C-alpha cells in the first residue's frame, strides 16, 4: 500500500535487480515509464 501511494506522488517505482545490475520499473502511473523498463544506475 505504501509503494502504491508513493507511486502516485513520484510517478514510478523502480526496484534494483542485482542479477541485471539495473533498476526495473515495477509500478508506474506515468506514461513516460513502461513496466519492466530497465534503468541504468
N, C-alpha and C. Protein backbone atom coordinates (compact mmCIF):
# COMPACT_ATOMS: atom_id res chain seq x y z
N UNK A 1 0.82 -1.18 0.00
CA UNK A 1 0.00 0.00 0.00
C UNK A 1 0.87 1.26 0.00
N UNK A 2 1.96 1.21 0.73
CA UNK A 2 2.85 2.37 0.79
C UNK A 2 3.46 2.68 -0.58
N UNK A 3 3.93 1.63 -1.28
CA UNK A 3 4.53 1.87 -2.60
C UNK A 3 3.51 2.37 -3.60
N UNK A 4 2.27 1.91 -3.49
CA UNK A 4 1.22 2.38 -4.39
C UNK A 4 0.98 3.87 -4.18
N UNK A 5 0.88 4.30 -2.93
CA UNK A 5 0.69 5.72 -2.65
C UNK A 5 1.89 6.55 -3.09
N UNK A 6 3.08 6.02 -2.87
CA UNK A 6 4.31 6.71 -3.30
C UNK A 6 4.38 6.82 -4.82
N UNK A 7 3.92 5.81 -5.52
CA UNK A 7 3.92 5.85 -6.99
C UNK A 7 3.03 6.97 -7.52
N UNK A 8 1.94 7.27 -6.83
CA UNK A 8 1.09 8.39 -7.24
C UNK A 8 1.82 9.71 -7.07
N UNK A 9 2.66 9.82 -6.07
CA UNK A 9 3.41 11.05 -5.83
C UNK A 9 4.59 11.17 -6.80
N UNK A 10 5.35 10.08 -6.94
CA UNK A 10 6.58 10.09 -7.74
C UNK A 10 6.35 9.77 -9.22
N UNK A 11 5.31 9.04 -9.52
CA UNK A 11 5.04 8.67 -10.91
C UNK A 11 5.46 7.25 -11.23
N UNK A 12 6.54 6.75 -10.60
CA UNK A 12 7.00 5.39 -10.87
C UNK A 12 7.89 4.91 -9.73
N UNK A 13 7.93 3.59 -9.56
CA UNK A 13 8.78 2.96 -8.56
C UNK A 13 9.65 1.94 -9.27
N UNK A 14 10.96 1.99 -9.02
CA UNK A 14 11.89 1.02 -9.60
C UNK A 14 12.58 0.26 -8.48
N UNK A 15 12.81 -1.02 -8.72
CA UNK A 15 13.48 -1.91 -7.76
C UNK A 15 14.79 -2.36 -8.38
N UNK A 16 15.86 -2.36 -7.59
CA UNK A 16 17.17 -2.79 -8.07
C UNK A 16 17.20 -4.31 -8.22
N UNK A 17 17.66 -4.78 -9.39
CA UNK A 17 17.85 -6.21 -9.64
C UNK A 17 19.34 -6.48 -9.72
N UNK A 18 19.92 -7.13 -8.71
CA UNK A 18 21.37 -7.34 -8.70
C UNK A 18 21.87 -8.24 -9.82
N UNK A 19 21.03 -9.15 -10.31
CA UNK A 19 21.45 -10.01 -11.43
C UNK A 19 21.66 -9.20 -12.70
N UNK A 20 20.82 -8.21 -12.92
CA UNK A 20 20.93 -7.36 -14.10
C UNK A 20 21.85 -6.17 -13.87
N UNK A 21 22.01 -5.79 -12.61
CA UNK A 21 22.80 -4.61 -12.29
C UNK A 21 22.08 -3.32 -12.69
N UNK A 22 20.75 -3.40 -12.80
CA UNK A 22 19.94 -2.26 -13.20
C UNK A 22 18.69 -2.21 -12.34
N UNK A 23 17.99 -1.09 -12.43
CA UNK A 23 16.71 -0.97 -11.76
C UNK A 23 15.61 -1.29 -12.75
N UNK A 24 14.54 -1.91 -12.26
CA UNK A 24 13.41 -2.32 -13.09
C UNK A 24 12.17 -1.59 -12.61
N UNK A 25 11.47 -0.93 -13.53
CA UNK A 25 10.22 -0.25 -13.17
C UNK A 25 9.19 -1.31 -12.81
N UNK A 26 8.68 -1.23 -11.57
CA UNK A 26 7.72 -2.23 -11.11
C UNK A 26 6.31 -1.66 -10.93
N UNK A 27 6.20 -0.37 -10.69
CA UNK A 27 4.90 0.31 -10.59
C UNK A 27 5.02 1.63 -11.33
N UNK A 28 4.05 1.96 -12.16
CA UNK A 28 4.09 3.24 -12.86
C UNK A 28 2.70 3.84 -12.98
N UNK A 29 2.64 5.14 -12.77
CA UNK A 29 1.43 5.93 -13.01
C UNK A 29 1.79 7.09 -13.92
N UNK A 30 2.88 6.93 -14.68
CA UNK A 30 3.40 7.96 -15.55
C UNK A 30 3.65 7.34 -16.92
N UNK A 31 3.11 7.93 -17.96
CA UNK A 31 3.25 7.36 -19.30
C UNK A 31 4.69 7.44 -19.83
N UNK A 32 5.56 8.16 -19.15
CA UNK A 32 6.97 8.24 -19.57
C UNK A 32 7.73 6.96 -19.25
N UNK A 33 7.17 6.09 -18.39
CA UNK A 33 7.81 4.85 -17.99
C UNK A 33 6.93 3.66 -18.35
N UNK A 34 7.56 2.58 -18.78
CA UNK A 34 6.88 1.33 -19.09
C UNK A 34 7.20 0.32 -17.99
N UNK A 35 6.25 -0.56 -17.68
CA UNK A 35 6.53 -1.63 -16.74
C UNK A 35 7.68 -2.50 -17.28
N UNK A 36 8.54 -2.96 -16.40
CA UNK A 36 9.70 -3.79 -16.72
C UNK A 36 10.77 -3.04 -17.51
N UNK A 37 10.66 -1.71 -17.62
CA UNK A 37 11.71 -0.92 -18.27
C UNK A 37 12.96 -0.95 -17.40
N UNK A 38 14.13 -1.09 -18.01
CA UNK A 38 15.39 -1.14 -17.28
C UNK A 38 16.02 0.25 -17.24
N UNK A 39 16.56 0.61 -16.08
CA UNK A 39 17.20 1.90 -15.90
C UNK A 39 18.62 1.68 -15.39
N UNK A 40 19.60 2.26 -16.09
CA UNK A 40 20.99 2.18 -15.61
C UNK A 40 21.16 3.07 -14.40
N UNK A 41 21.97 2.62 -13.44
CA UNK A 41 22.24 3.45 -12.27
C UNK A 41 23.62 4.00 -12.33
